[in-house]
């Protein structure tokens, strides 16, 4: 079996990567709809609806549970990893995004106090997620992992 075949045969990896990709496409499409244009940074950027972080880690944990059982060590590791990532997305990273919004407004409120290079240092505001964005990413990850479970023959 070739390296590529081994990668494609890896249910956990493919579920996680597909889930990330679908979330990023959805995020880009939703952003394009509301902002009346495509911002290609959304395809690789963090933040937004749905959370690709949550989608990826929930797909990984779900696939691990389906593949190895919920009593396995790999499922336990994947589940704890998923909880930490989702907690971080709604906690520290979300607060960082809120701070970036405020700091960027402060930077723009007094334009005479800054030189041109300071304006190039605008902070990234799409950093974290709302609880709804994390929930929707988690649901997407769960659905994709279950769907891929059918593709990989884990269900009848």
N, C-alpha and C. Protein backbone atom coordinates (compact mmCIF):
# COMPACT_ATOMS: atom_id res chain seq x y z
N UNK A 1 0.85 -1.18 0.00
CA UNK A 1 0.00 0.00 0.00
C UNK A 1 0.90 1.24 0.00
N UNK A 2 0.62 2.18 -0.89
CA UNK A 2 1.44 3.39 -1.00
C UNK A 2 1.13 4.35 0.16
N UNK A 3 1.99 5.33 0.30
CA UNK A 3 1.82 6.34 1.33
C UNK A 3 0.48 7.07 1.16
N UNK A 4 0.15 7.44 -0.07
CA UNK A 4 -1.11 8.14 -0.34
C UNK A 4 -2.31 7.26 0.00
N UNK A 5 -2.23 5.99 -0.33
CA UNK A 5 -3.32 5.07 -0.01
C UNK A 5 -3.47 4.91 1.49
N UNK A 6 -2.35 4.86 2.19
CA UNK A 6 -2.41 4.76 3.65
C UNK A 6 -3.07 6.00 4.25
N UNK A 7 -2.72 7.19 3.73
CA UNK A 7 -3.34 8.42 4.23
C UNK A 7 -4.85 8.42 3.96
N UNK A 8 -5.23 8.06 2.75
CA UNK A 8 -6.65 8.05 2.39
C UNK A 8 -7.43 6.98 3.14
N UNK A 9 -6.74 5.96 3.61
CA UNK A 9 -7.37 4.88 4.37
C UNK A 9 -7.53 5.23 5.85
N UNK A 10 -6.98 6.36 6.27
CA UNK A 10 -7.00 6.77 7.67
C UNK A 10 -8.32 7.51 7.97
N UNK A 11 -9.28 6.78 8.48
CA UNK A 11 -10.61 7.32 8.77
C UNK A 11 -10.57 8.55 9.68
N UNK A 12 -9.77 8.50 10.73
CA UNK A 12 -9.70 9.63 11.66
C UNK A 12 -9.15 10.87 10.98
N UNK A 13 -8.07 10.70 10.25
CA UNK A 13 -7.43 11.85 9.58
C UNK A 13 -8.35 12.45 8.52
N UNK A 14 -8.92 11.63 7.68
CA UNK A 14 -9.77 12.13 6.60
C UNK A 14 -11.02 12.80 7.18
N UNK A 15 -11.61 12.23 8.21
CA UNK A 15 -12.78 12.85 8.85
C UNK A 15 -12.43 14.24 9.38
N UNK A 16 -11.31 14.35 10.06
CA UNK A 16 -10.90 15.63 10.64
C UNK A 16 -10.59 16.65 9.55
N UNK A 17 -9.82 16.26 8.53
CA UNK A 17 -9.45 17.20 7.47
C UNK A 17 -10.66 17.62 6.64
N UNK A 18 -11.53 16.68 6.32
CA UNK A 18 -12.73 17.01 5.56
C UNK A 18 -13.62 17.95 6.37
N UNK A 19 -13.73 17.70 7.65
CA UNK A 19 -14.54 18.55 8.51
C UNK A 19 -13.98 19.98 8.56
N UNK A 20 -12.67 20.09 8.66
CA UNK A 20 -12.03 21.42 8.64
C UNK A 20 -12.34 22.12 7.31
N UNK A 21 -12.16 21.40 6.20
CA UNK A 21 -12.37 21.99 4.88
C UNK A 21 -13.82 22.45 4.69
N UNK A 22 -14.76 21.60 5.04
CA UNK A 22 -16.18 21.96 4.89
C UNK A 22 -16.52 23.17 5.76
N UNK A 23 -16.00 23.21 6.97
CA UNK A 23 -16.26 24.36 7.85
C UNK A 23 -15.69 25.64 7.25
N UNK A 24 -14.50 25.56 6.69
CA UNK A 24 -13.87 26.75 6.10
C UNK A 24 -14.66 27.22 4.88
N UNK A 25 -15.15 26.29 4.06
CA UNK A 25 -15.96 26.66 2.90
C UNK A 25 -17.26 27.30 3.37
N UNK A 26 -17.91 26.71 4.37
CA UNK A 26 -19.14 27.29 4.92
C UNK A 26 -18.89 28.68 5.49
N UNK A 27 -17.81 28.82 6.23
CA UNK A 27 -17.45 30.11 6.83
C UNK A 27 -17.24 31.17 5.75
N UNK A 28 -16.56 30.81 4.68
CA UNK A 28 -16.29 31.74 3.59
C UNK A 28 -17.60 32.11 2.88
N UNK A 29 -18.46 31.13 2.66
CA UNK A 29 -19.75 31.38 2.00
C UNK A 29 -20.65 32.27 2.86
N UNK A 30 -20.71 32.00 4.15
CA UNK A 30 -21.54 32.82 5.05
C UNK A 30 -21.02 34.25 5.10
N UNK A 31 -19.71 34.40 5.20
CA UNK A 31 -19.10 35.72 5.22
C UNK A 31 -19.37 36.46 3.90
N UNK A 32 -19.27 35.76 2.78
CA UNK A 32 -19.52 36.37 1.47
C UNK A 32 -20.97 36.83 1.35
N UNK A 33 -21.90 36.02 1.88
CA UNK A 33 -23.31 36.38 1.83
C UNK A 33 -23.58 37.68 2.61
N UNK A 34 -23.07 37.75 3.83
CA UNK A 34 -23.36 38.91 4.68
C UNK A 34 -22.55 40.14 4.29
N UNK A 35 -21.39 39.96 3.70
CA UNK A 35 -20.55 41.10 3.34
C UNK A 35 -20.56 41.40 1.84
N UNK A 36 -21.42 40.70 1.11
CA UNK A 36 -21.62 40.94 -0.33
C UNK A 36 -20.32 40.84 -1.14
N UNK A 37 -19.49 39.89 -0.78
CA UNK A 37 -18.26 39.66 -1.53
C UNK A 37 -17.39 38.63 -0.84
N UNK A 38 -16.57 37.97 -1.63
CA UNK A 38 -15.73 36.91 -1.07
C UNK A 38 -14.44 37.49 -0.51
N UNK A 39 -14.17 37.13 0.73
CA UNK A 39 -12.90 37.46 1.39
C UNK A 39 -12.15 36.13 1.51
N UNK A 40 -11.19 35.91 0.64
CA UNK A 40 -10.50 34.61 0.58
C UNK A 40 -9.71 34.31 1.84
N UNK A 41 -9.43 35.30 2.67
CA UNK A 41 -8.74 35.06 3.94
C UNK A 41 -9.58 34.17 4.85
N UNK A 42 -10.89 34.21 4.66
CA UNK A 42 -11.78 33.39 5.49
C UNK A 42 -11.55 31.89 5.26
N UNK A 43 -11.00 31.52 4.10
CA UNK A 43 -10.75 30.09 3.82
C UNK A 43 -9.65 29.52 4.72
N UNK A 44 -8.76 30.35 5.18
CA UNK A 44 -7.70 29.85 6.05
C UNK A 44 -7.71 30.53 7.42
N UNK A 45 -8.48 31.58 7.56
CA UNK A 45 -8.47 32.33 8.81
C UNK A 45 -9.28 31.68 9.91
N UNK A 46 -9.03 32.12 11.11
CA UNK A 46 -9.77 31.62 12.27
C UNK A 46 -10.94 32.55 12.56
N UNK A 47 -11.78 32.15 13.48
CA UNK A 47 -12.97 32.91 13.82
C UNK A 47 -14.06 32.71 12.78
N UNK A 48 -15.27 33.07 13.12
CA UNK A 48 -16.38 32.99 12.18
C UNK A 48 -17.25 31.76 12.38
N UNK A 49 -18.31 31.70 11.57
CA UNK A 49 -19.33 30.65 11.67
C UNK A 49 -19.21 29.70 10.49
N UNK A 50 -19.16 28.41 10.73
CA UNK A 50 -18.99 27.68 11.99
C UNK A 50 -17.52 27.60 12.38
N UNK A 51 -17.26 27.21 13.59
CA UNK A 51 -15.89 27.07 14.06
C UNK A 51 -15.24 25.84 13.41
N UNK A 52 -14.21 26.09 12.61
CA UNK A 52 -13.50 24.96 11.99
C UNK A 52 -12.65 24.23 13.03
N UNK A 53 -12.23 24.95 14.07
CA UNK A 53 -11.49 24.29 15.15
C UNK A 53 -12.38 23.23 15.80
N UNK A 54 -13.60 23.64 16.16
CA UNK A 54 -14.53 22.70 16.80
C UNK A 54 -14.91 21.57 15.86
N UNK A 55 -15.16 21.91 14.63
CA UNK A 55 -15.53 20.90 13.64
C UNK A 55 -14.43 19.85 13.51
N UNK A 56 -13.20 20.29 13.43
CA UNK A 56 -12.06 19.38 13.25
C UNK A 56 -11.88 18.45 14.44
N UNK A 57 -11.85 19.02 15.64
CA UNK A 57 -11.57 18.20 16.82
C UNK A 57 -12.74 17.29 17.20
N UNK A 58 -13.98 17.73 16.94
CA UNK A 58 -15.12 16.87 17.22
C UNK A 58 -15.17 15.73 16.20
N UNK A 59 -14.85 16.02 14.94
CA UNK A 59 -14.78 14.96 13.95
C UNK A 59 -13.72 13.93 14.34
N UNK A 60 -12.57 14.41 14.79
CA UNK A 60 -11.50 13.51 15.21
C UNK A 60 -11.94 12.64 16.39
N UNK A 61 -12.53 13.26 17.40
CA UNK A 61 -12.97 12.51 18.57
C UNK A 61 -14.08 11.53 18.22
N UNK A 62 -15.02 11.96 17.39
CA UNK A 62 -16.11 11.08 16.99
C UNK A 62 -15.59 9.88 16.21
N UNK A 63 -14.70 10.15 15.25
CA UNK A 63 -14.12 9.06 14.46
C UNK A 63 -13.32 8.10 15.35
N UNK A 64 -12.62 8.64 16.33
CA UNK A 64 -11.87 7.79 17.26
C UNK A 64 -12.82 6.92 18.07
N UNK A 65 -13.93 7.49 18.52
CA UNK A 65 -14.91 6.72 19.28
C UNK A 65 -15.56 5.63 18.44
N UNK A 66 -15.87 5.96 17.18
CA UNK A 66 -16.48 4.98 16.28
C UNK A 66 -15.48 3.89 15.93
N UNK A 67 -14.27 4.28 15.66
CA UNK A 67 -13.24 3.34 15.20
C UNK A 67 -12.69 2.46 16.31
N UNK A 68 -12.39 3.06 17.46
CA UNK A 68 -11.71 2.33 18.53
C UNK A 68 -12.57 2.06 19.75
N UNK A 69 -13.76 2.68 19.81
CA UNK A 69 -14.65 2.53 20.96
C UNK A 69 -14.47 3.67 21.94
N UNK A 70 -15.53 4.00 22.63
CA UNK A 70 -15.48 5.11 23.58
C UNK A 70 -14.73 4.75 24.86
N UNK A 71 -14.36 3.49 25.00
CA UNK A 71 -13.56 3.07 26.16
C UNK A 71 -12.06 3.02 25.83
N UNK A 72 -11.68 3.49 24.64
CA UNK A 72 -10.27 3.44 24.23
C UNK A 72 -9.49 4.66 24.69
N UNK A 73 -8.21 4.49 24.80
CA UNK A 73 -7.32 5.59 25.19
C UNK A 73 -7.30 6.67 24.11
N UNK A 74 -7.31 6.27 22.84
CA UNK A 74 -7.26 7.27 21.77
C UNK A 74 -8.51 8.15 21.76
N UNK A 75 -9.68 7.56 22.07
CA UNK A 75 -10.89 8.37 22.18
C UNK A 75 -10.78 9.34 23.35
N UNK A 76 -10.27 8.86 24.48
CA UNK A 76 -10.12 9.73 25.66
C UNK A 76 -9.22 10.92 25.34
N UNK A 77 -8.10 10.66 24.69
CA UNK A 77 -7.17 11.74 24.33
C UNK A 77 -7.84 12.71 23.37
N UNK A 78 -8.51 12.18 22.34
CA UNK A 78 -9.16 13.04 21.35
C UNK A 78 -10.29 13.87 21.98
N UNK A 79 -11.04 13.26 22.90
CA UNK A 79 -12.13 13.98 23.55
C UNK A 79 -11.61 15.12 24.44
N UNK A 80 -10.60 14.84 25.23
CA UNK A 80 -10.01 15.88 26.08
C UNK A 80 -9.43 17.00 25.21
N UNK A 81 -8.75 16.62 24.13
CA UNK A 81 -8.20 17.60 23.19
C UNK A 81 -9.33 18.47 22.62
N UNK A 82 -10.44 17.85 22.24
CA UNK A 82 -11.58 18.60 21.69
C UNK A 82 -12.14 19.58 22.71
N UNK A 83 -12.30 19.14 23.93
CA UNK A 83 -12.86 20.02 24.98
C UNK A 83 -11.93 21.21 25.22
N UNK A 84 -10.64 20.97 25.28
CA UNK A 84 -9.67 22.06 25.51
C UNK A 84 -9.71 23.06 24.35
N UNK A 85 -9.73 22.56 23.13
CA UNK A 85 -9.74 23.45 21.96
C UNK A 85 -11.02 24.28 21.93
N UNK A 86 -12.17 23.66 22.19
CA UNK A 86 -13.43 24.39 22.15
C UNK A 86 -13.52 25.40 23.30
N UNK A 87 -13.03 25.02 24.46
CA UNK A 87 -13.02 25.95 25.59
C UNK A 87 -12.14 27.16 25.27
N UNK A 88 -10.98 26.89 24.70
CA UNK A 88 -10.06 27.97 24.33
C UNK A 88 -10.67 28.87 23.27
N UNK A 89 -11.38 28.30 22.30
CA UNK A 89 -11.97 29.09 21.22
C UNK A 89 -13.01 30.07 21.75
N UNK A 90 -13.75 29.67 22.77
CA UNK A 90 -14.78 30.56 23.33
C UNK A 90 -14.26 31.40 24.48
N UNK A 91 -13.09 31.09 24.97
CA UNK A 91 -12.53 31.81 26.11
C UNK A 91 -11.44 32.78 25.71
N UNK A 92 -10.22 32.34 25.84
CA UNK A 92 -9.05 33.20 25.62
C UNK A 92 -9.04 33.79 24.21
N UNK A 93 -9.24 32.96 23.21
CA UNK A 93 -9.17 33.46 21.84
C UNK A 93 -10.29 34.44 21.53
N UNK A 94 -11.47 34.20 22.10
CA UNK A 94 -12.59 35.13 21.87
C UNK A 94 -12.29 36.48 22.52
N UNK A 95 -11.76 36.45 23.72
CA UNK A 95 -11.42 37.69 24.42
C UNK A 95 -10.32 38.45 23.68
N UNK A 96 -9.38 37.72 23.10
CA UNK A 96 -8.32 38.35 22.31
C UNK A 96 -8.92 39.09 21.13
N UNK A 97 -9.91 38.49 20.48
CA UNK A 97 -10.59 39.14 19.36
C UNK A 97 -11.33 40.39 19.79
N UNK A 98 -11.99 40.34 20.94
CA UNK A 98 -12.69 41.51 21.46
C UNK A 98 -11.71 42.64 21.76
N UNK A 99 -10.56 42.30 22.35
CA UNK A 99 -9.54 43.30 22.64
C UNK A 99 -8.99 43.91 21.36
N UNK A 100 -8.84 43.08 20.31
CA UNK A 100 -8.34 43.59 19.03
C UNK A 100 -9.29 44.62 18.45
N UNK A 101 -10.60 44.39 18.57
CA UNK A 101 -11.59 45.34 18.07
C UNK A 101 -11.42 46.69 18.79
N UNK A 102 -11.32 46.64 20.10
CA UNK A 102 -11.18 47.88 20.89
C UNK A 102 -9.87 48.59 20.56
N UNK A 103 -8.78 47.84 20.51
CA UNK A 103 -7.49 48.46 20.21
C UNK A 103 -7.45 49.04 18.80
N UNK A 104 -8.06 48.37 17.85
CA UNK A 104 -8.11 48.90 16.49
C UNK A 104 -8.93 50.19 16.44
N UNK A 105 -10.01 50.27 17.21
CA UNK A 105 -10.80 51.50 17.25
C UNK A 105 -10.01 52.63 17.90
N UNK A 106 -9.28 52.32 18.96
CA UNK A 106 -8.43 53.34 19.59
C UNK A 106 -7.39 53.86 18.61
N UNK A 107 -6.82 52.97 17.85
CA UNK A 107 -5.81 53.34 16.87
C UNK A 107 -6.41 54.30 15.83
N UNK A 108 -7.65 54.05 15.42
CA UNK A 108 -8.28 54.89 14.41
C UNK A 108 -8.87 56.17 14.98
N UNK A 109 -9.18 56.19 16.27
CA UNK A 109 -9.78 57.38 16.88
C UNK A 109 -8.84 58.57 16.92
N UNK A 110 -7.56 58.32 16.99
CA UNK A 110 -6.59 59.41 17.04
C UNK A 110 -5.56 59.23 15.93
N UNK A 111 -5.96 59.46 14.68
CA UNK A 111 -5.05 59.18 13.57
C UNK A 111 -3.84 60.09 13.52
N UNK A 112 -3.88 61.27 14.15
CA UNK A 112 -2.75 62.20 14.09
C UNK A 112 -1.61 61.78 15.01
N UNK A 113 -1.89 60.87 15.94
CA UNK A 113 -0.87 60.43 16.89
C UNK A 113 -0.05 59.26 16.36
N UNK A 114 -0.42 58.73 15.22
CA UNK A 114 0.26 57.56 14.68
C UNK A 114 0.87 57.86 13.32
N UNK A 115 2.00 57.23 13.05
CA UNK A 115 2.57 57.36 11.72
C UNK A 115 1.99 56.28 10.81
N UNK A 116 2.31 56.33 9.54
CA UNK A 116 1.75 55.40 8.57
C UNK A 116 2.01 53.95 8.89
N UNK A 117 3.16 53.63 9.45
CA UNK A 117 3.49 52.24 9.75
C UNK A 117 2.61 51.68 10.86
N UNK A 118 2.15 52.52 11.76
CA UNK A 118 1.29 52.06 12.85
C UNK A 118 -0.04 51.54 12.32
N UNK A 119 -0.55 52.16 11.24
CA UNK A 119 -1.83 51.72 10.68
C UNK A 119 -1.71 50.35 10.02
N UNK A 120 -0.53 49.97 9.61
CA UNK A 120 -0.31 48.67 8.99
C UNK A 120 -0.33 47.55 10.04
N UNK A 121 -0.30 47.91 11.31
CA UNK A 121 -0.23 46.92 12.38
C UNK A 121 -1.60 46.61 12.96
N UNK A 122 -2.65 46.79 12.18
CA UNK A 122 -3.99 46.50 12.68
C UNK A 122 -4.05 45.06 13.17
N UNK A 123 -4.62 44.89 14.35
CA UNK A 123 -4.72 43.57 14.96
C UNK A 123 -5.82 42.74 14.32
N UNK A 124 -5.60 41.45 14.25
CA UNK A 124 -6.58 40.53 13.69
C UNK A 124 -7.75 40.39 14.66
N UNK A 125 -8.95 40.67 14.18
CA UNK A 125 -10.13 40.63 15.02
C UNK A 125 -10.86 39.30 14.99
N UNK A 126 -10.74 38.55 13.91
CA UNK A 126 -11.36 37.23 13.83
C UNK A 126 -10.40 36.23 14.47
N UNK A 127 -10.53 36.04 15.76
CA UNK A 127 -9.61 35.14 16.46
C UNK A 127 -10.38 34.02 17.15
N UNK A 128 -11.39 34.36 17.89
CA UNK A 128 -12.13 33.36 18.65
C UNK A 128 -13.53 33.14 18.11
N UNK A 129 -14.34 32.46 18.90
CA UNK A 129 -15.68 32.09 18.47
C UNK A 129 -16.70 32.34 19.56
N UNK A 130 -17.93 32.58 19.14
CA UNK A 130 -19.05 32.63 20.07
C UNK A 130 -19.43 31.19 20.40
N UNK A 131 -20.14 30.99 21.50
CA UNK A 131 -20.59 29.63 21.80
C UNK A 131 -21.42 29.00 20.68
N UNK A 132 -22.23 29.80 19.98
CA UNK A 132 -23.03 29.28 18.87
C UNK A 132 -22.13 28.80 17.73
N UNK A 133 -21.10 29.56 17.42
CA UNK A 133 -20.17 29.16 16.35
C UNK A 133 -19.46 27.85 16.71
N UNK A 134 -19.09 27.70 17.97
CA UNK A 134 -18.45 26.46 18.44
C UNK A 134 -19.44 25.31 18.37
N UNK A 135 -20.67 25.53 18.81
CA UNK A 135 -21.69 24.49 18.76
C UNK A 135 -21.95 24.04 17.32
N UNK A 136 -22.09 24.99 16.41
CA UNK A 136 -22.36 24.64 15.02
C UNK A 136 -21.17 23.89 14.40
N UNK A 137 -19.95 24.28 14.77
CA UNK A 137 -18.78 23.55 14.30
C UNK A 137 -18.76 22.13 14.85
N UNK A 138 -19.13 21.97 16.11
CA UNK A 138 -19.16 20.65 16.73
C UNK A 138 -20.20 19.75 16.05
N UNK A 139 -21.38 20.30 15.76
CA UNK A 139 -22.42 19.53 15.08
C UNK A 139 -21.94 19.12 13.69
N UNK A 140 -21.31 20.05 12.99
CA UNK A 140 -20.78 19.74 11.66
C UNK A 140 -19.73 18.63 11.74
N UNK A 141 -18.81 18.72 12.69
CA UNK A 141 -17.79 17.69 12.86
C UNK A 141 -18.38 16.33 13.18
N UNK A 142 -19.37 16.31 14.04
CA UNK A 142 -20.06 15.06 14.39
C UNK A 142 -20.72 14.45 13.15
N UNK A 143 -21.43 15.28 12.39
CA UNK A 143 -22.12 14.79 11.20
C UNK A 143 -21.15 14.26 10.15
N UNK A 144 -20.06 14.95 9.95
CA UNK A 144 -19.09 14.51 8.95
C UNK A 144 -18.42 13.21 9.37
N UNK A 145 -18.04 13.10 10.64
CA UNK A 145 -17.41 11.86 11.11
C UNK A 145 -18.36 10.67 11.00
N UNK A 146 -19.62 10.88 11.33
CA UNK A 146 -20.60 9.80 11.20
C UNK A 146 -20.79 9.45 9.73
N UNK A 147 -20.92 10.47 8.88
CA UNK A 147 -21.05 10.22 7.45
C UNK A 147 -19.86 9.47 6.89
N UNK A 148 -18.66 9.86 7.30
CA UNK A 148 -17.46 9.18 6.84
C UNK A 148 -17.38 7.77 7.42
N UNK A 149 -18.01 7.54 8.58
CA UNK A 149 -18.08 6.21 9.15
C UNK A 149 -18.82 5.26 8.21
N UNK A 150 -19.84 5.75 7.56
CA UNK A 150 -20.55 4.96 6.56
C UNK A 150 -19.65 4.68 5.35
N UNK A 151 -18.93 5.71 4.91
CA UNK A 151 -18.02 5.55 3.76
C UNK A 151 -16.94 4.52 4.05
N UNK A 152 -16.41 4.54 5.27
CA UNK A 152 -15.33 3.63 5.64
C UNK A 152 -15.84 2.28 6.14
N UNK A 153 -17.15 2.08 6.12
CA UNK A 153 -17.71 0.76 6.45
C UNK A 153 -17.88 0.45 7.91
N UNK A 154 -17.95 1.48 8.77
CA UNK A 154 -18.15 1.22 10.19
C UNK A 154 -19.62 0.98 10.53
N UNK A 155 -20.51 1.36 9.64
CA UNK A 155 -21.94 1.15 9.84
C UNK A 155 -22.48 0.34 8.67
N UNK A 156 -23.55 -0.39 8.91
CA UNK A 156 -24.16 -1.25 7.90
C UNK A 156 -24.46 -0.63 6.63
